[in-house]
Amino acid sequence: NAPKKIDFIRAYALEFVDRPGSPMFAVERFIAGKDCYGYGFLKHNTNSGFVDQEVRRQTPQVFSAHSFYASQGNRLVADIQGVGDLYTDPQVLSVDYRFGDGDLGPRGMALFFMNFRHCDLSDKMGIP
């Protein structure tokens, strides 16, 4: 079977310029419900190396690994979380730390691959 289509909901940053210190807040839509396997909201991996070892789903981990190889090792999309194949709030890791404080760079990428497990889907996609 081909990999399942995934989607990310939009997240926004709001800055309250009229308040002291101009505080900023992250805003995103709440994802309710359960996926076809009966799971609700799941954290599949993080930007600091956590990878769900229960292998409830192959798609999130393979997507993260694919993002690394598709970018020739320059980026890795991590912090995959959500319900089913609807994800929210990813963190992009890069070789030059260009994506903010959560971008742990090459160290974050190495931590992901230390815990990544190959599976049938990653083999079918040619992920080394």
Protein backbone atom coordinates (compact mmCIF):
# COMPACT_ATOMS: atom_id res chain seq x y z
CA ASN A 1 0.00 0.00 0.00
CA ALA A 2 1.13 3.52 -0.72
CA PRO A 3 1.80 5.82 2.23
CA LYS A 4 -1.30 7.56 3.51
CA LYS A 5 -1.85 11.22 2.78
CA ILE A 6 -1.10 13.46 5.73
CA ASP A 7 -2.13 17.02 6.47
CA PHE A 8 -1.11 19.73 8.94
CA ILE A 9 -3.55 22.20 10.44
CA ARG A 10 -2.51 25.83 10.36
CA ALA A 11 -0.99 27.33 13.47
CA TYR A 12 -0.77 31.03 14.13
CA ALA A 13 1.26 33.34 16.32
CA LEU A 14 -0.63 36.25 17.86
CA GLU A 15 1.20 39.26 19.22
CA PHE A 16 -0.70 41.53 21.60
CA VAL A 17 1.05 44.78 20.69
CA ASP A 18 -1.16 46.90 22.99
CA ARG A 19 -0.23 44.92 26.10
CA PRO A 20 2.93 45.50 28.17
CA GLY A 21 5.82 43.53 26.70
CA SER A 22 3.81 42.68 23.57
CA PRO A 23 3.29 39.03 24.59
CA MET A 24 2.99 36.39 21.88
CA PHE A 25 0.80 33.29 21.92
CA ALA A 26 0.58 30.23 19.70
CA VAL A 27 -2.93 29.45 18.48
CA GLU A 28 -4.16 26.34 16.70
CA ARG A 29 -7.40 24.48 16.21
CA PHE A 30 -8.20 21.72 18.71
CA ILE A 31 -8.13 18.27 17.11
CA ALA A 32 -10.85 16.10 18.60
CA GLY A 33 -11.79 12.50 18.01
CA LYS A 34 -10.05 9.23 17.36
CA ASP A 35 -8.38 7.71 14.34
CA CYS A 36 -9.44 4.50 12.62
CA TYR A 37 -7.34 2.50 15.14
CA GLY A 38 -9.18 3.99 18.12
CA TYR A 39 -6.39 6.32 19.22
CA GLY A 40 -6.97 9.95 20.12
CA PHE A 41 -4.31 12.65 20.09
CA LEU A 42 -0.83 11.09 19.98
CA LYS A 43 2.68 12.47 20.17
CA HIS A 44 4.60 10.38 17.61
CA ASN A 45 8.02 12.02 17.94
CA THR A 46 9.69 15.18 19.25
CA ASN A 47 12.42 17.57 18.20
CA SER A 48 14.68 16.16 20.93
CA GLY A 49 14.78 12.49 19.97
CA PHE A 50 11.64 10.86 21.37
CA VAL A 51 10.18 8.37 18.89
CA ASP A 52 7.05 6.42 19.83
CA GLN A 53 8.43 2.90 20.20
CA GLU A 54 4.98 1.31 20.43
CA VAL A 55 4.78 1.73 16.64
CA ARG A 56 1.10 2.52 16.67
CA ARG A 57 1.59 4.19 13.30
CA GLN A 58 4.37 3.93 10.72
CA THR A 59 3.45 7.04 8.72
CA PRO A 60 4.63 9.72 11.20
CA GLN A 61 8.12 8.27 11.71
CA VAL A 62 8.61 7.51 8.03
CA PHE A 63 7.47 11.04 7.14
CA SER A 64 10.12 12.50 9.46
CA ALA A 65 12.83 10.26 8.02
CA HIS A 66 11.70 11.01 4.46
CA SER A 67 11.88 14.76 5.10
CA PHE A 68 15.56 14.34 6.00
CA TYR A 69 16.48 12.34 2.91
CA ALA A 70 14.32 14.43 0.56
CA SER A 71 16.22 17.54 1.71
CA GLN A 72 19.63 15.86 1.26
CA GLY A 73 20.10 15.91 5.03
CA ASN A 74 19.46 19.64 5.43
CA ARG A 75 16.12 19.43 7.26
CA LEU A 76 13.99 17.04 9.25
CA VAL A 77 10.34 17.64 10.17
CA ALA A 78 9.84 16.44 13.74
CA ASP A 79 7.51 16.90 16.68
CA ILE A 80 4.80 15.03 14.79
CA GLN A 81 1.58 14.89 16.81
CA GLY A 82 -2.13 14.77 16.15
CA VAL A 83 -5.06 12.48 15.46
CA GLY A 84 -4.80 10.00 12.62
CA ASP A 85 -3.02 11.66 9.71
CA LEU A 86 -3.98 15.19 10.76
CA TYR A 87 -0.96 16.72 12.48
CA THR A 88 -0.30 19.97 14.26
CA ASP A 89 2.59 22.11 15.42
CA PRO A 90 5.59 20.44 13.73
CA GLN A 91 9.15 21.60 14.32
CA VAL A 92 11.59 21.77 11.44
CA LEU A 93 15.17 20.91 12.33
CA SER A 94 17.89 22.30 10.07
CA VAL A 95 21.66 22.19 9.69
CA ASP A 96 21.84 25.96 10.24
CA TYR A 97 19.30 26.40 13.08
CA ARG A 98 17.08 28.68 10.97
CA PHE A 99 13.72 27.61 12.45
CA GLY A 100 13.71 29.17 15.91
CA ASP A 101 14.46 28.01 19.42
CA GLY A 102 12.96 24.55 18.87
CA ASP A 103 15.33 23.87 15.96
CA LEU A 104 17.90 21.64 17.64
CA GLY A 105 19.82 21.30 14.38
CA PRO A 106 22.02 18.30 13.54
CA ARG A 107 21.91 17.10 17.16
CA GLY A 108 18.10 16.87 17.03
CA MET A 109 18.31 15.02 13.71
CA ALA A 110 20.85 12.56 15.14
CA LEU A 111 18.67 11.97 18.21
CA PHE A 112 15.70 11.17 15.95
CA PHE A 113 17.69 8.59 13.97
CA MET A 114 19.10 7.03 17.15
CA ASN A 115 15.54 5.98 17.98
CA PHE A 116 14.04 5.54 14.50
CA ARG A 117 13.15 1.96 13.63
CA HIS A 118 12.96 0.79 10.05
CA CYS A 119 9.70 -0.81 9.01
CA ASP A 120 8.02 -2.17 5.89
CA LEU A 121 6.94 1.31 4.83
CA SER A 122 10.41 2.86 5.18
CA ASP A 123 11.86 -0.05 3.19
CA LYS A 124 9.25 0.40 0.44
CA MET A 125 10.12 4.11 0.26
CA GLY A 126 13.85 3.36 -0.02
CA ILE A 127 14.82 5.05 3.24
CA PRO A 128 18.30 3.81 4.18
